[in-house]
Amino acid sequence: MALREGVYQLGPQSGRLRVLTGRTGVGARAGHDLVIEATSWDCHVTMNPAEPARSSVTVEVEVDSFEVREGTGGVKPLTDSDRSEIKRTIREKILHTSRHPTITFQSTSVGGSPEALTVDGDLTIMGVTRPAAVQG
């Protein structure tokens, strides 16, 4: 699909935003590799394929919208109760959604070609901002 110049508004109605987790350490045998989907998110893209540096991307994700979609590996299959417990743990013990309800990404530069774009930007999770890059 060719990229076209324009402004695009994306979200759950136009695609999926998923987080893939992996297992390491002592709990690797018992835990699960998870697919977590954000069901409430918004992405604003300004695209200029002729001059990618003039493009920009902004994403905001509602952390409370995370849903555990899949769990593979582990000693036993993932149950609905496990999914609920994982969601509660993410909200209350890991991402503290009452204090930090969103995760955001703001591009700082877009480069490459329409066939192989690189988007560098600032990713903010729990009030901490770090550089991040997306290639595709």
C-alpha atoms as a PDB file:
ATOM      1  CA  MET A   1       0.000   0.000   0.000  1.00  0.00           C
ATOM      2  CA  ALA A   2       1.420   3.373  -1.009  1.00  0.00           C
ATOM      3  CA  LEU A   3       1.544   6.075   1.629  1.00  0.00           C
ATOM      4  CA  ARG A   4      -0.391   9.186   0.754  1.00  0.00           C
ATOM      5  CA  GLU A   5       0.111  12.677   2.030  1.00  0.00           C
ATOM      6  CA  GLY A   6      -2.489  13.696   4.560  1.00  0.00           C
ATOM      7  CA  VAL A   7      -3.664  13.755   8.130  1.00  0.00           C
ATOM      8  CA  TYR A   8      -4.931  10.493   9.581  1.00  0.00           C
ATOM      9  CA  GLN A   9      -6.795   9.725  12.798  1.00  0.00           C
ATOM     10  CA  LEU A  10      -6.380   6.107  13.892  1.00  0.00           C
ATOM     11  CA  GLY A  11      -7.739   4.086  16.785  1.00  0.00           C
ATOM     12  CA  PRO A  12      -9.435   0.798  17.677  1.00  0.00           C
ATOM     13  CA  GLN A  13     -11.895   1.274  14.806  1.00  0.00           C
ATOM     14  CA  SER A  14      -9.040   1.156  12.290  1.00  0.00           C
ATOM     15  CA  GLY A  15      -6.503  -1.222  13.814  1.00  0.00           C
ATOM     16  CA  ARG A  16      -5.179  -3.024  16.854  1.00  0.00           C
ATOM     17  CA  LEU A  17      -2.561  -1.917  19.338  1.00  0.00           C
ATOM     18  CA  ARG A  18      -0.983  -4.902  21.055  1.00  0.00           C
ATOM     19  CA  VAL A  19       1.747  -5.445  23.624  1.00  0.00           C
ATOM     20  CA  LEU A  20       3.622  -8.751  23.548  1.00  0.00           C
ATOM     21  CA  THR A  21       5.302  -9.941  26.738  1.00  0.00           C
ATOM     22  CA  GLY A  22       7.861 -12.668  27.328  1.00  0.00           C
ATOM     23  CA  ARG A  23       9.047 -14.709  30.299  1.00  0.00           C
ATOM     24  CA  THR A  24      12.490 -14.830  31.859  1.00  0.00           C
ATOM     25  CA  GLY A  25      14.065 -15.882  35.107  1.00  0.00           C
ATOM     26  CA  VAL A  26      12.762 -18.229  37.763  1.00  0.00           C
ATOM     27  CA  GLY A  27       9.082 -17.822  36.827  1.00  0.00           C
ATOM     28  CA  ALA A  28       9.604 -18.474  33.124  1.00  0.00           C
ATOM     29  CA  ARG A  29       8.337 -22.051  33.293  1.00  0.00           C
ATOM     30  CA  ALA A  30       5.186 -21.199  35.237  1.00  0.00           C
ATOM     31  CA  GLY A  31       4.267 -17.865  33.637  1.00  0.00           C
ATOM     32  CA  HIS A  32       2.730 -17.094  30.270  1.00  0.00           C
ATOM     33  CA  ASP A  33       3.797 -15.120  27.226  1.00  0.00           C
ATOM     34  CA  LEU A  34       0.971 -12.611  26.928  1.00  0.00           C
ATOM     35  CA  VAL A  35      -0.730 -10.687  24.174  1.00  0.00           C
ATOM     36  CA  ILE A  36      -2.299  -7.593  25.736  1.00  0.00           C
ATOM     37  CA  GLU A  37      -4.504  -5.356  23.608  1.00  0.00           C
ATOM     38  CA  ALA A  38      -5.277  -1.702  24.263  1.00  0.00           C
ATOM     39  CA  THR A  39      -8.954  -1.222  23.448  1.00  0.00           C
ATOM     40  CA  SER A  40      -8.953   2.582  23.855  1.00  0.00           C
ATOM     41  CA  TRP A  41      -6.250   4.530  22.041  1.00  0.00           C
ATOM     42  CA  ASP A  42      -5.872   7.413  19.654  1.00  0.00           C
ATOM     43  CA  CYS A  43      -3.209   8.049  17.034  1.00  0.00           C
ATOM     44  CA  HIS A  44      -2.778  11.212  14.979  1.00  0.00           C
ATOM     45  CA  VAL A  45      -0.505  10.971  11.930  1.00  0.00           C
ATOM     46  CA  THR A  46       0.539  13.776   9.631  1.00  0.00           C
ATOM     47  CA  MET A  47       2.137  12.066   6.627  1.00  0.00           C
ATOM     48  CA  ASN A  48       4.365  13.584   3.967  1.00  0.00           C
ATOM     49  CA  PRO A  49       5.876  10.690   1.944  1.00  0.00           C
ATOM     50  CA  ALA A  50       7.872  13.052  -0.280  1.00  0.00           C
ATOM     51  CA  GLU A  51       9.511  14.630   2.779  1.00  0.00           C
ATOM     52  CA  PRO A  52       9.229  12.181   5.701  1.00  0.00           C
ATOM     53  CA  ALA A  53      10.953  14.659   8.044  1.00  0.00           C
ATOM     54  CA  ARG A  54       7.816  16.821   7.796  1.00  0.00           C
ATOM     55  CA  SER A  55       5.670  13.949   9.109  1.00  0.00           C
ATOM     56  CA  SER A  56       4.639  13.401  12.731  1.00  0.00           C
ATOM     57  CA  VAL A  57       2.963  10.801  14.937  1.00  0.00           C
ATOM     58  CA  THR A  58       1.216  11.184  18.293  1.00  0.00           C
ATOM     59  CA  VAL A  59      -0.282   8.242  20.212  1.00  0.00           C
ATOM     60  CA  GLU A  60      -2.211   8.188  23.488  1.00  0.00           C
ATOM     61  CA  VAL A  61      -3.249   4.908  25.116  1.00  0.00           C
ATOM     62  CA  GLU A  62      -5.708   4.519  27.996  1.00  0.00           C
ATOM     63  CA  VAL A  63      -3.951   2.015  30.264  1.00  0.00           C
ATOM     64  CA  ASP A  64      -7.224   0.907  31.897  1.00  0.00           C
ATOM     65  CA  SER A  65      -8.256  -0.382  28.471  1.00  0.00           C
ATOM     66  CA  PHE A  66      -5.631  -3.160  28.472  1.00  0.00           C
ATOM     67  CA  GLU A  67      -7.183  -6.597  27.940  1.00  0.00           C
ATOM     68  CA  VAL A  68      -5.285  -9.892  28.087  1.00  0.00           C
ATOM     69  CA  ARG A  69      -6.116 -11.564  24.767  1.00  0.00           C
ATOM     70  CA  GLU A  70      -3.783 -14.571  24.782  1.00  0.00           C
ATOM     71  CA  GLY A  71      -1.470 -16.429  27.093  1.00  0.00           C
ATOM     72  CA  THR A  72       0.842 -19.128  25.787  1.00  0.00           C
ATOM     73  CA  GLY A  73       3.338 -21.333  27.548  1.00  0.00           C
ATOM     74  CA  GLY A  74       3.179 -21.837  31.257  1.00  0.00           C
ATOM     75  CA  VAL A  75       2.375 -24.922  33.285  1.00  0.00           C
ATOM     76  CA  LYS A  76      -1.383 -24.640  32.756  1.00  0.00           C
ATOM     77  CA  PRO A  77      -3.655 -22.774  30.337  1.00  0.00           C
ATOM     78  CA  LEU A  78      -4.574 -19.173  31.122  1.00  0.00           C
ATOM     79  CA  THR A  79      -8.046 -18.932  32.701  1.00  0.00           C
ATOM     80  CA  ASP A  80     -10.518 -16.036  32.780  1.00  0.00           C
ATOM     81  CA  SER A  81      -9.644 -15.630  36.454  1.00  0.00           C
ATOM     82  CA  ASP A  82      -5.943 -15.407  35.524  1.00  0.00           C
ATOM     83  CA  ARG A  83      -6.757 -12.738  32.929  1.00  0.00           C
ATOM     84  CA  SER A  84      -8.666 -10.685  35.504  1.00  0.00           C
ATOM     85  CA  GLU A  85      -5.844 -11.005  38.029  1.00  0.00           C
ATOM     86  CA  ILE A  86      -3.232  -9.968  35.450  1.00  0.00           C
ATOM     87  CA  LYS A  87      -5.303  -6.925  34.495  1.00  0.00           C
ATOM     88  CA  ARG A  88      -5.701  -5.946  38.165  1.00  0.00           C
ATOM     89  CA  THR A  89      -1.969  -6.385  38.766  1.00  0.00           C
ATOM     90  CA  ILE A  90      -1.115  -4.225  35.751  1.00  0.00           C
ATOM     91  CA  ARG A  91      -3.503  -1.495  36.925  1.00  0.00           C
ATOM     92  CA  GLU A  92      -2.671  -1.508  40.633  1.00  0.00           C
ATOM     93  CA  LYS A  93       0.882  -2.789  41.041  1.00  0.00           C
ATOM     94  CA  ILE A  94       2.740  -2.205  37.785  1.00  0.00           C
ATOM     95  CA  LEU A  95       1.420   0.842  35.919  1.00  0.00           C
ATOM     96  CA  HIS A  96      -0.550   2.509  38.763  1.00  0.00           C
ATOM     97  CA  THR A  97      -3.296   3.695  36.443  1.00  0.00           C
ATOM     98  CA  SER A  98      -5.022   5.819  39.082  1.00  0.00           C
ATOM     99  CA  ARG A  99      -1.969   8.127  39.010  1.00  0.00           C
ATOM    100  CA  HIS A 100      -0.844   7.509  35.414  1.00  0.00           C
ATOM    101  CA  PRO A 101      -3.906   6.771  33.263  1.00  0.00           C
ATOM    102  CA  THR A 102      -2.222   7.125  29.870  1.00  0.00           C
ATOM    103  CA  ILE A 103       0.855   6.095  27.939  1.00  0.00           C
ATOM    104  CA  THR A 104       1.914   8.555  25.241  1.00  0.00           C
ATOM    105  CA  PHE A 105       4.268   8.650  22.283  1.00  0.00           C
ATOM    106  CA  GLN A 106       5.246  11.851  20.482  1.00  0.00           C
ATOM    107  CA  SER A 107       7.485  11.652  17.448  1.00  0.00           C
ATOM    108  CA  THR A 108      10.585  13.812  17.382  1.00  0.00           C
ATOM    109  CA  SER A 109      11.707  12.814  13.883  1.00  0.00           C
ATOM    110  CA  VAL A 110      10.547  10.724  10.953  1.00  0.00           C
ATOM    111  CA  GLY A 111      13.046   9.472   8.406  1.00  0.00           C
ATOM    112  CA  GLY A 112      13.729   6.884   5.781  1.00  0.00           C
ATOM    113  CA  SER A 113      11.578   6.216   2.760  1.00  0.00           C
ATOM    114  CA  PRO A 114       7.874   5.397   2.381  1.00  0.00           C
ATOM    115  CA  GLU A 115       8.897   1.729   2.104  1.00  0.00           C
ATOM    116  CA  ALA A 116      11.006   1.779   5.289  1.00  0.00           C
ATOM    117  CA  LEU A 117      10.117   4.575   7.704  1.00  0.00           C
ATOM    118  CA  THR A 118      11.801   5.138  11.045  1.00  0.00           C
ATOM    119  CA  VAL A 119       9.921   7.130  13.661  1.00  0.00           C
ATOM    120  CA  ASP A 120      11.933   8.326  16.656  1.00  0.00           C
ATOM    121  CA  GLY A 121      10.152   9.883  19.574  1.00  0.00           C
ATOM    122  CA  ASP A 122       9.461  10.226  23.259  1.00  0.00           C
ATOM    123  CA  LEU A 123       7.564   7.427  25.020  1.00  0.00           C
ATOM    124  CA  THR A 124       6.050   8.368  28.380  1.00  0.00           C
ATOM    125  CA  ILE A 125       5.015   5.623  30.810  1.00  0.00           C
ATOM    126  CA  MET A 126       4.126   6.424  34.432  1.00  0.00           C
ATOM    127  CA  GLY A 127       5.366   9.993  34.009  1.00  0.00           C
ATOM    128  CA  VAL A 128       8.817   8.883  32.845  1.00  0.00           C
ATOM    129  CA  THR A 129       9.812   9.839  29.311  1.00  0.00           C
ATOM    130  CA  ARG A 130      12.430   7.923  27.364  1.00  0.00           C
ATOM    131  CA  PRO A 131      13.441   7.807  23.712  1.00  0.00           C
ATOM    132  CA  ALA A 132      11.861   5.111  21.568  1.00  0.00           C
ATOM    133  CA  ALA A 133      12.027   4.154  17.900  1.00  0.00           C
ATOM    134  CA  VAL A 134       9.570   2.417  15.604  1.00  0.00           C
ATOM    135  CA  GLN A 135      10.595   0.992  12.250  1.00  0.00           C
ATOM    136  CA  GLY A 136       8.387  -0.309   9.538  1.00  0.00           C
END
